[in-house]
Amino acid sequence: MRVAVLGTGLMGAPMARHLAAAGHEVRVWNRTRAKAEGLGAEVADTPAAAVEGAEVVITMLADGPAVDAVAREALPACRDAVWAQMSTVGVEWADRLAALAAEHGLAQVDAPVMGSRPAAVAGALTPLASGPPEARERCTRVFEAFSRSVLWLGDEPGLGSRLKLALNHLLLVTTENVAETFALAEGLGVDPAWVLDALRGAPYDIQYAHVRGEPMLRGDFTPTFALKLALKDLTLALEAAGGTGVDLPLARAARERFARAIELGHGDEDVSATFFAAAPDRVAVESLRSRTK
């Protein structure tokens, strides 16, 4: 199948690589061209050139405004393509982008993915997909190249984006909880590694605590999901909640901590770097980072 991938950053690049390896005819575009090279795909100079002749167009970009800007360049060149919008953009932008697809007469599938870069590299993402039935077979064939499963939620536009906000709320608040728990343990003179030891295999174990906590203990904040993007996603969840009358005090607290860690210079590091907002300065850098020495 002919597939265009617009955006080949941390997530889009491994997705494009899996698509090419699966035998699809892949054309890619990225604002920084070097990030689009070496993926086994043809590199286009513009979004419009990338989507010409494509049967499925994937957007995997940072946020709603970025998707909107690129789509406005690309969509006029689409002919009978399905637009798989796979970025995390929130409710308002999901609705705007669905309207943009309709303006151009294109079927759109809203399909943000669960999973960070390691899952993308392993081909184990989970698209949360909603869209017209006639687009499902085509998109499923494409999604299967980089996914462990595809969750189809219905025909209504934007269902995937709405579920993604709820799931991200769970994971990001859990990350902040783990960071604060480690900080508390260390502040009390207890090895925070014992926290995970005590959880392991118990009825109250939390798998995601190990996913984020183990790199935290190693002092490894290599981004699999950048803190600045996590802040964006929490903000989207809070904005969406505001329109429903739902109060999210844990999300507000986590957003404040994420923002503080970014102020301390950790925005491009992994979301687990929120630890540095929770821990006393005398402990955070000197103790956690020393674990790698």
C-alpha atoms as a PDB file:
ATOM      1  CA  MET A   1       0.000   0.000   0.000  1.00  0.00           C
ATOM      2  CA  ARG A   2       1.187   3.552  -0.695  1.00  0.00           C
ATOM      3  CA  VAL A   3       1.645   5.349   2.642  1.00  0.00           C
ATOM      4  CA  ALA A   4       2.807   8.871   3.441  1.00  0.00           C
ATOM      5  CA  VAL A   5       4.194   9.664   6.895  1.00  0.00           C
ATOM      6  CA  LEU A   6       4.302  13.347   7.819  1.00  0.00           C
ATOM      7  CA  GLY A   7       6.528  13.755  10.854  1.00  0.00           C
ATOM      8  CA  THR A   8       9.449  11.401  11.493  1.00  0.00           C
ATOM      9  CA  GLY A   9      10.529  12.319  15.003  1.00  0.00           C
ATOM     10  CA  LEU A  10      10.816   9.992  17.999  1.00  0.00           C
ATOM     11  CA  MET A  11       7.613   8.165  17.083  1.00  0.00           C
ATOM     12  CA  GLY A  12       7.132   8.739  13.380  1.00  0.00           C
ATOM     13  CA  ALA A  13      10.581   7.486  12.365  1.00  0.00           C
ATOM     14  CA  PRO A  14      10.235   3.933  13.755  1.00  0.00           C
ATOM     15  CA  MET A  15       6.664   3.782  12.470  1.00  0.00           C
ATOM     16  CA  ALA A  16       7.861   4.621   8.957  1.00  0.00           C
ATOM     17  CA  ARG A  17      10.680   2.103   9.243  1.00  0.00           C
ATOM     18  CA  HIS A  18       8.248  -0.676  10.187  1.00  0.00           C
ATOM     19  CA  LEU A  19       5.938   0.261   7.328  1.00  0.00           C
ATOM     20  CA  ALA A  20       8.773   0.042   4.809  1.00  0.00           C
ATOM     21  CA  ALA A  21       9.973  -3.263   6.270  1.00  0.00           C
ATOM     22  CA  ALA A  22       6.448  -4.660   5.939  1.00  0.00           C
ATOM     23  CA  GLY A  23       6.538  -4.022   2.212  1.00  0.00           C
ATOM     24  CA  HIS A  24       4.495  -0.845   1.982  1.00  0.00           C
ATOM     25  CA  GLU A  25       5.546   1.851  -0.464  1.00  0.00           C
ATOM     26  CA  VAL A  26       6.437   4.633   1.960  1.00  0.00           C
ATOM     27  CA  ARG A  27       7.153   8.289   1.360  1.00  0.00           C
ATOM     28  CA  VAL A  28       8.115  10.508   4.307  1.00  0.00           C
ATOM     29  CA  TRP A  29       8.462  14.175   5.102  1.00  0.00           C
ATOM     30  CA  ASN A  30       9.906  15.970   8.108  1.00  0.00           C
ATOM     31  CA  ARG A  31      10.653  19.626   8.671  1.00  0.00           C
ATOM     32  CA  THR A  32      14.239  18.631   9.513  1.00  0.00           C
ATOM     33  CA  ARG A  33      15.067  16.492   6.495  1.00  0.00           C
ATOM     34  CA  ALA A  34      17.907  14.583   8.174  1.00  0.00           C
ATOM     35  CA  LYS A  35      15.394  12.968  10.535  1.00  0.00           C
ATOM     36  CA  ALA A  36      13.505  11.536   7.553  1.00  0.00           C
ATOM     37  CA  GLU A  37      16.503   9.858   5.976  1.00  0.00           C
ATOM     38  CA  GLY A  38      17.695   6.290   6.452  1.00  0.00           C
ATOM     39  CA  LEU A  39      14.229   4.841   7.150  1.00  0.00           C
ATOM     40  CA  GLY A  40      13.924   2.733   4.006  1.00  0.00           C
ATOM     41  CA  ALA A  41      11.470   5.241   2.568  1.00  0.00           C
ATOM     42  CA  GLU A  42      11.510   7.895  -0.134  1.00  0.00           C
ATOM     43  CA  VAL A  43      12.060  11.367   1.335  1.00  0.00           C
ATOM     44  CA  ALA A  44       9.886  14.177  -0.011  1.00  0.00           C
ATOM     45  CA  ASP A  45      10.777  17.854   0.011  1.00  0.00           C
ATOM     46  CA  THR A  46       7.280  19.060   0.940  1.00  0.00           C
ATOM     47  CA  PRO A  47       4.166  17.652   2.621  1.00  0.00           C
ATOM     48  CA  ALA A  48       2.286  17.966  -0.657  1.00  0.00           C
ATOM     49  CA  ALA A  49       4.914  15.940  -2.506  1.00  0.00           C
ATOM     50  CA  ALA A  50       4.858  13.292   0.217  1.00  0.00           C
ATOM     51  CA  VAL A  51       1.123  12.626  -0.035  1.00  0.00           C
ATOM     52  CA  GLU A  52       0.791  12.584  -3.819  1.00  0.00           C
ATOM     53  CA  GLY A  53      -0.684   9.219  -4.790  1.00  0.00           C
ATOM     54  CA  ALA A  54      -0.853   7.971  -1.197  1.00  0.00           C
ATOM     55  CA  GLU A  55      -3.665   5.671  -0.101  1.00  0.00           C
ATOM     56  CA  VAL A  56      -3.103   6.421   3.590  1.00  0.00           C
ATOM     57  CA  VAL A  57      -1.608   9.628   4.993  1.00  0.00           C
ATOM     58  CA  ILE A  58      -0.293   9.506   8.572  1.00  0.00           C
ATOM     59  CA  THR A  59       0.365  12.637  10.594  1.00  0.00           C
ATOM     60  CA  MET A  60       2.589  12.163  13.644  1.00  0.00           C
ATOM     61  CA  LEU A  61       3.491  15.645  14.835  1.00  0.00           C
ATOM     62  CA  ALA A  62       3.917  17.495  18.119  1.00  0.00           C
ATOM     63  CA  ASP A  63       0.519  19.136  18.600  1.00  0.00           C
ATOM     64  CA  GLY A  64      -2.673  20.401  16.994  1.00  0.00           C
ATOM     65  CA  PRO A  65      -1.266  23.602  15.476  1.00  0.00           C
ATOM     66  CA  ALA A  66       1.619  21.666  13.909  1.00  0.00           C
ATOM     67  CA  VAL A  67      -0.752  19.092  12.417  1.00  0.00           C
ATOM     68  CA  ASP A  68      -3.055  21.818  11.136  1.00  0.00           C
ATOM     69  CA  ALA A  69      -0.219  23.715   9.444  1.00  0.00           C
ATOM     70  CA  VAL A  70       1.201  20.636   7.735  1.00  0.00           C
ATOM     71  CA  ALA A  71      -2.216  19.275   6.773  1.00  0.00           C
ATOM     72  CA  ARG A  72      -3.155  22.533   5.077  1.00  0.00           C
ATOM     73  CA  GLU A  73      -0.090  22.106   2.869  1.00  0.00           C
ATOM     74  CA  ALA A  74      -0.688  18.428   2.213  1.00  0.00           C
ATOM     75  CA  LEU A  75      -4.431  17.820   1.922  1.00  0.00           C
ATOM     76  CA  PRO A  76      -5.015  19.706  -1.342  1.00  0.00           C
ATOM     77  CA  ALA A  77      -2.641  17.213  -2.987  1.00  0.00           C
ATOM     78  CA  CYS A  78      -4.477  14.147  -1.633  1.00  0.00           C
ATOM     79  CA  ARG A  79      -6.619  12.079  -3.992  1.00  0.00           C
ATOM     80  CA  ASP A  80      -8.840   9.378  -2.488  1.00  0.00           C
ATOM     81  CA  ALA A  81      -6.578   9.004   0.552  1.00  0.00           C
ATOM     82  CA  VAL A  82      -7.557   8.191   4.115  1.00  0.00           C
ATOM     83  CA  TRP A  83      -6.008  10.592   6.610  1.00  0.00           C
ATOM     84  CA  ALA A  84      -4.879   8.755   9.743  1.00  0.00           C
ATOM     85  CA  GLN A  85      -4.367  11.507  12.312  1.00  0.00           C
ATOM     86  CA  MET A  86      -2.184   9.793  14.937  1.00  0.00           C
ATOM     87  CA  SER A  87      -0.800  12.751  16.906  1.00  0.00           C
ATOM     88  CA  THR A  88      -2.024  13.586  20.412  1.00  0.00           C
ATOM     89  CA  VAL A  89      -3.908  16.831  19.861  1.00  0.00           C
ATOM     90  CA  GLY A  90      -6.750  16.886  22.410  1.00  0.00           C
ATOM     91  CA  VAL A  91     -10.475  17.327  21.945  1.00  0.00           C
ATOM     92  CA  GLU A  92     -10.706  20.783  20.398  1.00  0.00           C
ATOM     93  CA  TRP A  93      -8.031  20.148  17.799  1.00  0.00           C
ATOM     94  CA  ALA A  94      -9.348  16.658  17.007  1.00  0.00           C
ATOM     95  CA  ASP A  95     -12.678  18.261  16.115  1.00  0.00           C
ATOM     96  CA  ARG A  96     -11.017  21.016  14.080  1.00  0.00           C
ATOM     97  CA  LEU A  97      -8.920  18.524  12.124  1.00  0.00           C
ATOM     98  CA  ALA A  98     -11.944  16.330  11.431  1.00  0.00           C
ATOM     99  CA  ALA A  99     -13.664  19.402   9.998  1.00  0.00           C
ATOM    100  CA  LEU A 100     -10.576  20.154   7.890  1.00  0.00           C
ATOM    101  CA  ALA A 101     -10.657  16.623   6.456  1.00  0.00           C
ATOM    102  CA  ALA A 102     -14.339  17.067   5.610  1.00  0.00           C
ATOM    103  CA  GLU A 103     -13.582  20.348   3.829  1.00  0.00           C
ATOM    104  CA  HIS A 104     -11.256  18.430   1.528  1.00  0.00           C
ATOM    105  CA  GLY A 105     -13.628  15.510   1.061  1.00  0.00           C
ATOM    106  CA  LEU A 106     -11.285  13.051   2.774  1.00  0.00           C
ATOM    107  CA  ALA A 107     -12.117  10.199   5.127  1.00  0.00           C
ATOM    108  CA  GLN A 108     -10.294  10.692   8.402  1.00  0.00           C
ATOM    109  CA  VAL A 109      -9.441   8.191  11.120  1.00  0.00           C
ATOM    110  CA  ASP A 110      -8.610   9.682  14.510  1.00  0.00           C
ATOM    111  CA  ALA A 111      -6.005   7.271  15.910  1.00  0.00           C
ATOM    112  CA  PRO A 112      -3.577   8.578  18.537  1.00  0.00           C
ATOM    113  CA  VAL A 113      -1.329   5.809  19.799  1.00  0.00           C
ATOM    114  CA  MET A 114      -0.659   4.346  23.210  1.00  0.00           C
ATOM    115  CA  GLY A 115       3.025   3.623  23.730  1.00  0.00           C
ATOM    116  CA  SER A 116       6.190   5.705  23.772  1.00  0.00           C
ATOM    117  CA  ARG A 117       9.332   5.373  21.653  1.00  0.00           C
ATOM    118  CA  PRO A 118      10.368   1.864  22.873  1.00  0.00           C
ATOM    119  CA  ALA A 119       6.965   0.526  21.833  1.00  0.00           C
ATOM    120  CA  ALA A 120       7.254   2.291  18.473  1.00  0.00           C
ATOM    121  CA  VAL A 121      10.709   0.783  17.901  1.00  0.00           C
ATOM    122  CA  ALA A 122       9.400  -2.668  18.841  1.00  0.00           C
ATOM    123  CA  GLY A 123       6.346  -2.316  16.599  1.00  0.00           C
ATOM    124  CA  ALA A 124       4.097  -2.637  19.653  1.00  0.00           C
ATOM    125  CA  LEU A 125       1.964   0.495  19.638  1.00  0.00           C
ATOM    126  CA  THR A 126      -1.806   0.518  20.189  1.00  0.00           C
ATOM    127  CA  PRO A 127      -3.730   2.945  17.981  1.00  0.00           C
ATOM    128  CA  LEU A 128      -6.973   4.159  19.584  1.00  0.00           C
ATOM    129  CA  ALA A 129      -8.947   4.487  16.383  1.00  0.00           C
ATOM    130  CA  SER A 130     -12.310   5.904  15.380  1.00  0.00           C
ATOM    131  CA  GLY A 131     -13.617   6.752  11.964  1.00  0.00           C
ATOM    132  CA  PRO A 132     -15.842   5.658   9.083  1.00  0.00           C
ATOM    133  CA  PRO A 133     -16.223   1.896   8.540  1.00  0.00           C
ATOM    134  CA  GLU A 134     -15.086   2.153   4.927  1.00  0.00           C
ATOM    135  CA  ALA A 135     -11.665   3.422   6.076  1.00  0.00           C
ATOM    136  CA  ARG A 136     -11.009   0.718   8.668  1.00  0.00           C
ATOM    137  CA  GLU A 137      -9.688  -2.085   6.475  1.00  0.00           C
ATOM    138  CA  ARG A 138      -7.204   0.184   4.762  1.00  0.00           C
ATOM    139  CA  CYS A 139      -5.964   1.727   8.016  1.00  0.00           C
ATOM    140  CA  THR A 140      -5.826  -1.589   9.868  1.00  0.00           C
ATOM    141  CA  ARG A 141      -3.488  -3.014   7.221  1.00  0.00           C
ATOM    142  CA  VAL A 142      -1.200  -0.025   7.754  1.00  0.00           C
ATOM    143  CA  PHE A 143      -1.455   0.107  11.557  1.00  0.00           C
ATOM    144  CA  GLU A 144      -0.610  -3.583  11.917  1.00  0.00           C
ATOM    145  CA  ALA A 145       2.919  -2.889  10.660  1.00  0.00           C
ATOM    146  CA  PHE A 146       3.826  -1.026  13.874  1.00  0.00           C
ATOM    147  CA  SER A 147       1.198  -2.155  16.393  1.00  0.00           C
ATOM    148  CA  ARG A 148       0.577  -5.000  18.822  1.00  0.00           C
ATOM    149  CA  SER A 149      -3.174  -4.382  18.479  1.00  0.00           C
ATOM    150  CA  VAL A 150      -5.631  -1.836  17.117  1.00  0.00           C
ATOM    151  CA  LEU A 151      -8.553  -0.711  19.282  1.00  0.00           C
ATOM    152  CA  TRP A 152     -11.460   0.427  17.116  1.00  0.00           C
ATOM    153  CA  LEU A 153     -13.819   2.581  19.182  1.00  0.00           C
ATOM    154  CA  GLY A 154     -16.571   3.467  16.735  1.00  0.00           C
ATOM    155  CA  ASP A 155     -17.512   5.721  13.849  1.00  0.00           C
ATOM    156  CA  GLU A 156     -17.706   9.022  15.741  1.00  0.00           C
ATOM    157  CA  PRO A 157     -14.792  11.387  15.012  1.00  0.00           C
ATOM    158  CA  GLY A 158     -12.494  12.143  17.923  1.00  0.00           C
ATOM    159  CA  LEU A 159     -13.205   9.136  20.154  1.00  0.00           C
ATOM    160  CA  GLY A 160      -9.555   8.073  20.000  1.00  0.00           C
ATOM    161  CA  SER A 161      -8.346  11.518  21.038  1.00  0.00           C
ATOM    162  CA  ARG A 162     -10.772  11.584  23.954  1.00  0.00           C
ATOM    163  CA  LEU A 163      -9.720   8.168  25.244  1.00  0.00           C
ATOM    164  CA  LYS A 164      -6.056   9.087  24.812  1.00  0.00           C
ATOM    165  CA  LEU A 165      -6.472  12.033  27.193  1.00  0.00           C
ATOM    166  CA  ALA A 166      -8.009   9.788  29.852  1.00  0.00           C
ATOM    167  CA  LEU A 167      -5.259   7.178  29.528  1.00  0.00           C
ATOM    168  CA  ASN A 168      -2.496   9.777  29.497  1.00  0.00           C
ATOM    169  CA  HIS A 169      -3.948  11.238  32.682  1.00  0.00           C
ATOM    170  CA  LEU A 170      -3.547   7.845  34.357  1.00  0.00           C
ATOM    171  CA  LEU A 171       0.022   7.310  33.151  1.00  0.00           C
ATOM    172  CA  LEU A 172       1.328  10.825  33.743  1.00  0.00           C
ATOM    173  CA  VAL A 173      -0.140  11.156  37.228  1.00  0.00           C
ATOM    174  CA  THR A 174       1.356   7.731  38.002  1.00  0.00           C
ATOM    175  CA  THR A 175       4.760   8.963  36.803  1.00  0.00           C
ATOM    176  CA  GLU A 176       4.540  11.954  39.132  1.00  0.00           C
ATOM    177  CA  ASN A 177       3.464   9.658  41.980  1.00  0.00           C
ATOM    178  CA  VAL A 178       6.499   7.417  41.438  1.00  0.00           C
ATOM    179  CA  ALA A 179       8.853  10.413  41.309  1.00  0.00           C
ATOM    180  CA  GLU A 180       7.490  11.853  44.556  1.00  0.00           C
ATOM    181  CA  THR A 181       7.582   8.433  46.243  1.00  0.00           C
ATOM    182  CA  PHE A 182      11.240   8.006  45.308  1.00  0.00           C
ATOM    183  CA  ALA A 183      12.008  11.526  46.506  1.00  0.00           C
ATOM    184  CA  LEU A 184      10.273  10.846  49.815  1.00  0.00           C
ATOM    185  CA  ALA A 185      12.094   7.554  50.299  1.00  0.00           C
ATOM    186  CA  GLU A 186      15.455   9.132  49.567  1.00  0.00           C
ATOM    187  CA  GLY A 187      14.683  12.099  51.788  1.00  0.00           C
ATOM    188  CA  LEU A 188      13.920   9.662  54.621  1.00  0.00           C
ATOM    189  CA  GLY A 189      17.244   7.885  54.111  1.00  0.00           C
ATOM    190  CA  VAL A 190      15.676   4.837  52.430  1.00  0.00           C
ATOM    191  CA  ASP A 191      16.982   3.428  49.141  1.00  0.00           C
ATOM    192  CA  PRO A 192      14.190   4.191  46.618  1.00  0.00           C
ATOM    193  CA  ALA A 193      15.030   0.963  44.791  1.00  0.00           C
ATOM    194  CA  TRP A 194      13.399  -0.816  47.718  1.00  0.00           C
ATOM    195  CA  VAL A 195      10.078   0.733  46.681  1.00  0.00           C
ATOM    196  CA  LEU A 196      10.058  -1.285  43.475  1.00  0.00           C
ATOM    197  CA  ASP A 197      11.395  -4.346  45.288  1.00  0.00           C
ATOM    198  CA  ALA A 198       8.478  -4.178  47.711  1.00  0.00           C
ATOM    199  CA  LEU A 199       5.951  -3.723  44.890  1.00  0.00           C
ATOM    200  CA  ARG A 200       7.250  -6.485  42.637  1.00  0.00           C
ATOM    201  CA  GLY A 201       4.713  -9.290  42.301  1.00  0.00           C
ATOM    202  CA  ALA A 202       2.451  -7.969  45.059  1.00  0.00           C
ATOM    203  CA  PRO A 203      -1.323  -7.495  44.576  1.00  0.00           C
ATOM    204  CA  TYR A 204      -0.739  -3.724  44.701  1.00  0.00           C
ATOM    205  CA  ASP A 205       2.092  -3.757  42.162  1.00  0.00           C
ATOM    206  CA  ILE A 206       1.905  -1.204  39.350  1.00  0.00           C
ATOM    207  CA  GLN A 207       3.676  -2.264  36.168  1.00  0.00           C
ATOM    208  CA  TYR A 208       4.030   1.310  34.976  1.00  0.00           C
ATOM    209  CA  ALA A 209       5.885   2.191  38.184  1.00  0.00           C
ATOM    210  CA  HIS A 210       8.660  -0.113  36.986  1.00  0.00           C
ATOM    211  CA  VAL A 211       8.541   1.219  33.409  1.00  0.00           C
ATOM    212  CA  ARG A 212       9.221   4.773  34.587  1.00  0.00           C
ATOM    213  CA  GLY A 213      10.864   4.040  37.923  1.00  0.00           C
ATOM    214  CA  GLU A 214      13.702   1.749  36.852  1.00  0.00           C
ATOM    215  CA  PRO A 215      15.287   4.293  34.447  1.00  0.00           C
ATOM    216  CA  MET A 216      14.739   6.943  37.150  1.00  0.00           C
ATOM    217  CA  LEU A 217      16.786   4.867  39.593  1.00  0.00           C
ATOM    218  CA  ARG A 218      19.572   4.513  37.028  1.00  0.00           C
ATOM    219  CA  GLY A 219      19.642   8.251  36.521  1.00  0.00           C
ATOM    220  CA  ASP A 220      18.740   7.618  32.879  1.00  0.00           C
ATOM    221  CA  PHE A 221      16.472  10.373  31.586  1.00  0.00           C
ATOM    222  CA  THR A 222      16.958   9.661  27.884  1.00  0.00           C
ATOM    223  CA  PRO A 223      13.629  10.743  26.369  1.00  0.00           C
ATOM    224  CA  THR A 224      11.168   8.050  25.403  1.00  0.00           C
ATOM    225  CA  PHE A 225       8.394  10.597  26.051  1.00  0.00           C
ATOM    226  CA  ALA A 226       9.748  14.105  26.489  1.00  0.00           C
ATOM    227  CA  LEU A 227       8.732  16.012  29.614  1.00  0.00           C
ATOM    228  CA  LYS A 228       7.693  19.051  27.563  1.00  0.00           C
ATOM    229  CA  LEU A 229       5.280  16.874  25.552  1.00  0.00           C
ATOM    230  CA  ALA A 230       3.930  15.329  28.746  1.00  0.00           C
ATOM    231  CA  LEU A 231       3.193  18.828  30.009  1.00  0.00           C
ATOM    232  CA  LYS A 232       1.341  19.533  26.763  1.00  0.00           C
ATOM    233  CA  ASP A 233      -0.729  16.356  27.149  1.00  0.00           C
ATOM    234  CA  LEU A 234      -1.675  17.074  30.761  1.00  0.00           C
ATOM    235  CA  THR A 235      -2.701  20.569  29.744  1.00  0.00           C
ATOM    236  CA  LEU A 236      -4.924  19.109  27.022  1.00  0.00           C
ATOM    237  CA  ALA A 237      -6.563  16.803  29.563  1.00  0.00           C
ATOM    238  CA  LEU A 238      -7.213  19.677  31.951  1.00  0.00           C
ATOM    239  CA  GLU A 239      -8.637  21.840  29.187  1.00  0.00           C
ATOM    240  CA  ALA A 240     -10.958  19.049  28.091  1.00  0.00           C
ATOM    241  CA  ALA A 241     -12.041  18.343  31.665  1.00  0.00           C
ATOM    242  CA  GLY A 242     -12.911  22.003  32.146  1.00  0.00           C
ATOM    243  CA  GLY A 243     -15.609  21.682  29.527  1.00  0.00           C
ATOM    244  CA  THR A 244     -17.227  18.720  31.261  1.00  0.00           C
ATOM    245  CA  GLY A 245     -17.327  19.932  34.857  1.00  0.00           C
ATOM    246  CA  VAL A 246     -14.819  17.250  35.927  1.00  0.00           C
ATOM    247  CA  ASP A 247     -12.203  18.355  38.476  1.00  0.00           C
ATOM    248  CA  LEU A 248      -8.683  16.896  38.120  1.00  0.00           C
ATOM    249  CA  PRO A 249      -6.640  18.058  41.118  1.00  0.00           C
ATOM    250  CA  LEU A 250      -3.986  15.354  40.627  1.00  0.00           C
ATOM    251  CA  ALA A 251      -3.454  16.481  37.051  1.00  0.00           C
ATOM    252  CA  ARG A 252      -3.133  20.099  38.155  1.00  0.00           C
ATOM    253  CA  ALA A 253      -0.504  19.159  40.725  1.00  0.00           C
ATOM    254  CA  ALA A 254       1.415  17.012  38.229  1.00  0.00           C
ATOM    255  CA  ARG A 255       1.323  19.783  35.625  1.00  0.00           C
ATOM    256  CA  GLU A 256       2.801  22.212  38.162  1.00  0.00           C
ATOM    257  CA  ARG A 257       5.602  19.756  38.942  1.00  0.00           C
ATOM    258  CA  PHE A 258       6.276  19.109  35.242  1.00  0.00           C
ATOM    259  CA  ALA A 259       6.468  22.846  34.616  1.00  0.00           C
ATOM    260  CA  ARG A 260       8.891  23.248  37.513  1.00  0.00           C
ATOM    261  CA  ALA A 261      11.168  20.475  36.194  1.00  0.00           C
ATOM    262  CA  ILE A 262      11.156  22.180  32.789  1.00  0.00           C
ATOM    263  CA  GLU A 263      12.172  25.453  34.455  1.00  0.00           C
ATOM    264  CA  LEU A 264      15.091  23.525  35.953  1.00  0.00           C
ATOM    265  CA  GLY A 265      16.231  22.585  32.449  1.00  0.00           C
ATOM    266  CA  HIS A 266      14.760  19.088  31.983  1.00  0.00           C
ATOM    267  CA  GLY A 267      12.149  19.733  29.296  1.00  0.00           C
ATOM    268  CA  ASP A 268      13.898  17.689  26.604  1.00  0.00           C
ATOM    269  CA  GLU A 269      14.557  14.791  28.978  1.00  0.00           C
ATOM    270  CA  ASP A 270      12.173  11.953  29.721  1.00  0.00           C
ATOM    271  CA  VAL A 271       8.961  12.645  31.630  1.00  0.00           C
ATOM    272  CA  SER A 272      10.506  10.795  34.591  1.00  0.00           C
ATOM    273  CA  ALA A 273      12.759  13.853  35.017  1.00  0.00           C
ATOM    274  CA  THR A 274       9.851  15.323  36.944  1.00  0.00           C
ATOM    275  CA  PHE A 275      11.774  13.750  39.855  1.00  0.00           C
ATOM    276  CA  PHE A 276      13.944  16.846  39.930  1.00  0.00           C
ATOM    277  CA  ALA A 277      10.983  19.024  40.835  1.00  0.00           C
ATOM    278  CA  ALA A 278       9.985  16.738  43.699  1.00  0.00           C
ATOM    279  CA  ALA A 279      13.344  15.937  45.286  1.00  0.00           C
ATOM    280  CA  PRO A 280      15.331  18.350  47.475  1.00  0.00           C
ATOM    281  CA  ASP A 281      18.120  19.885  45.403  1.00  0.00           C
ATOM    282  CA  ARG A 282      20.760  18.469  47.728  1.00  0.00           C
ATOM    283  CA  VAL A 283      19.544  14.951  46.937  1.00  0.00           C
ATOM    284  CA  ALA A 284      18.187  14.891  43.414  1.00  0.00           C
ATOM    285  CA  VAL A 285      21.150  15.396  41.103  1.00  0.00           C
ATOM    286  CA  GLU A 286      23.914  14.235  43.418  1.00  0.00           C
ATOM    287  CA  SER A 287      22.256  11.013  44.530  1.00  0.00           C
ATOM    288  CA  LEU A 288      20.266   9.763  41.564  1.00  0.00           C
ATOM    289  CA  ARG A 289      22.812  10.675  38.927  1.00  0.00           C
ATOM    290  CA  SER A 290      25.613   9.131  41.007  1.00  0.00           C
ATOM    291  CA  ARG A 291      23.967   5.731  40.569  1.00  0.00           C
ATOM    292  CA  THR A 292      25.313   5.578  37.024  1.00  0.00           C
ATOM    293  CA  LYS A 293      28.935   6.161  38.063  1.00  0.00           C
END
